[in-house]
Structure formats: C-alpha cells, structure tokens
Amino acid sequence: MTAAVLVMAAIVVLCYLVGAPISYGMIAAGCAYLVLSGVSLTEASAAIIGGVTANFVVLSVPLFIFTSALLNSSGMTDRIFRFAQLLLGRSRGSLAQVNVLATVVFSGMTGSAVADVSGIGVMSVRAMEDAGYPKDFACATTITSAIMGPLLPPSIPLIIYGFLSSTSIGALFLAGIIPALVLGAAHMGLIGYLSRRKRLPAEPWFGWLPIAVAFFAGLPALIAPLILIGGIYSGAFTPTESSAMSILYVLVVATFVYRSLSLREFLASLRFAVRQTGAVTGLIAGAFLLNYAVTASEVPNTVSTFVLSITRQPLLLIFIVSGFLLVAGLVLEVIVLEFVMLPIIVPIVSSAGVNMVYFGVVFTLVTMIALGLPTLGTLNLVLSKITDTPLSGIVRQMWPFLGLLVAGLALVIFVPWMSTILPQLAHLQG
C-alpha cells in the first residue's frame, strides 16, 4: 500500500473524528492522493465526470428525491397513512405498525437514511408520542423501518449499486420486494407482540365504512408506486424516465385531483429537493473521487487476490464481506460505502460465482443494518439528538428489533431465491 493511499485514508478518518462533513473529507482525501501520486488533475476530473455522465441512471437520484418531497407536501402520504391507520385500528400498537408501513414505503427515496429519519421519521415519532407511546420505543421502530425501506423500489441505494456493479436496476427493484415484505411483516408482528406485553395504546375502531372512504380517497396516491414499477417492467420507460414520470403523475394528482398542492408548497418541495440533492451530490462527488483513487492504486486487485487466496466459497465470502461492512457502516453512509467499497468487493464476489442481483439485496440490507447498530449507529445518534430522547433508552428498545433484522439478513443470505425469483419470472437476470 503506497504512502498516497495511507494519507488518503488518514484524512478520511481525521475528518470523521473532528466531525467535519464526510463529503468534504472524501474530496480532500481524494485530492491529496492525486497530488501525492502525481496524477494529472485534468485527467482525473475528466474520468470522474465522464463516469457520472456516461450513465443516465444517476439522473434519477434528484428526481426521486423531488418525488418524495412532493408526496409529503401535497398530503398524498397522509392519505395513505390514514387508510393504513383505520385498517389496522383496534389492535394494540397499530399506530407503530402504521409507522412501519409509512417509513418502509418512503425510505430510500431521498438517498439518505439520515434524511429519512430526520423527516418522515420525526413526524412518526411525534405522532406516536402524542398517542401515548414511549418515545424511545417510537424511535426504535422508526429506525428499524428506515433500515428496511431501501429494499423497496424506487430505492436510490439500489440504483447506485446497479450503476456501479453494472446490474439491471429493474432486476434489483424486483429482487428487494419479497425480502422487504417478509421483514416488514415480521417487524409488524414483533411490534404487536411487544405492544401486548407493554400494554401500549390501541387505536379506536371506526368500522368498515370509514375504511372504504379512506381507501377510495387515497387510491390515486396508492396507485403511484404501481404506475412507477409497472412502467419499468412493461418496458414503457427506463428507471430514469420513471423518476420523471413519477414527478409528473404526483403533480397532476396533487394539483387537479386532490387540489392540495399550492405554489408555496411546490416551491418548498423544490427547495428541499435541491438541498437534499446537493448533500447527496456532495457525497457522490467525494465518493467518485475516492473510487478513482482506489482503482488507480490497484487496491481492488490486491484485496481480491488476497481474499480469494483464503477462500472461494460463496457463503463464506458473503459473511466475511458482511462483517466488514457492518463495521464500516458505523462510520460511512450507504452511498459512500457503495462508491468506495463496491469496486473492491464486486470482483471478489463475482469471481466466486455469486449472483449480483442477490448480492445487491444483501449488500443494501447489511449496510442499512450498520446504521442502526447500538450504540454508534448513525441513525441512533441522529434520532436521539433531534427528538431529545436518551440514547440509552433507544438502544435498550432496539435489541429485539436488531435481533429480527439479523435473523432476516441470515434468511436473505441462506435463501437466495427470495431475491432472485421475481427477476427470473420477469426474465431479468441482472
């Protein structure tokens, strides 16, 4: 390992320790590598910019972020929540289960798990607190839901994975559906069990008529994901085009059907999308720079040769990689891990014959679980701070949910068909 690589790694670690934005640290580290290794900055910038612009799938990132903002500001998400809340009423912990549905459905669209828990997650925690739920329990359920969310389309982490590993985005979107549904159902079942033990509040039952009214009132909002996914798999448009179509559909429904989107709310959504896109773009720019440096230094070849000399057994390799990612995920966001680690990991697992669509689901779930690990997990720290909830309480409530997530990860690893059956039925092999 060269001195330039060591300096690059040291700068990233130092920026993390002093609390500097990780995107700034990555850019500084990448530039230091280029200077120390004598690489032409013009050549490097051309390669990095060309890598982004050569693949139009990256353009879907800001568009899906804007879609998420419009869904929230127009009240379309509220209509879905209301239907779910009425449907699940009467059972203990039903509001927490609605929180699961809400966070799972809309997590992953902003490109940042921290943004998910800081936005829709905070609103869910406050709603549960107002209904009489312990705040630390509300935080724990929200964190777990945000971890599972990026398995469902449209998921920016899956889009970035497909871009970097040359894997079909459509196949990845289908691959995450069954694992996400299984984990979501198990999560809701665990909440029901814990709610009865803790005697948490139960929502009142309003009868079937209000449920039917809420369903038809929310039907245009419920159709949005179906149009998005159906358009991709019917071949009507690409994932990038689907992100633009999703904006158009939400604008039409919110403006002409619900009439719930004012110019002020539209501009507020646009400002949020621009800010969030700027943050994600900063991460992508820094990660691309590190990606270039790591590839130029031949670190992937060195690591791949070393690991494959130890074992070529696919399951063992996946467990080794997963263990490393769990540790690295305590420090880095998912998108950063994808850009920095996938150039190293993909040659290893592909050489062992691992299906890259299946591995995409495993990779995403592992890196998301790392964000919620007690006590250093980023999601725990962020939600504790912005909701003014003691970290110790959140960690205490997280253990049952963490056990569920680890069991779910093991199930996804040992039962590959959960991730591959839908892409195979759609004739999308990756």
Foldseek 3Di string as FASTA:
>chain_A
DDPLVVQLVVQLVVCLVVVHQSLVSLQVSLVSSCVVVVPDPVVLVCVLVCLQVVDLLNLLLLLLLLLLLLCVLLCLLVLVLVLQLQVQFPAFLSLLLSLLVSLLQRAQSLVFLLVSCVPSVVVSLVVLVVQPDPSLLSLLSNLLSNLLNQLAPPGPLLSLLCSVLVAASLLLNQLSPLLSVVLSVVSVVVSSVVRVVVVHDGGDHDDDVVSVVSCVVSVLSVCLVVCLSVCCLVVVDHNSVSSVVSVVSSCCCSCPPVVRDDPVSSVVSVVSSVVSVVSVVSLSSSLSSLLSSCVVVVVLVVLLVVVVVVDLALLVLLVVVLVVLLVVLLRDTSSSCSSNPVSNSSVNNVVSVDQSSLVSSLSSSSSSLSLVQPPSRVSLVSSCVVVVNDSVSNNVSNVVSSVSSVVSSVCSSVPVCSRRVRCVVSVRRD
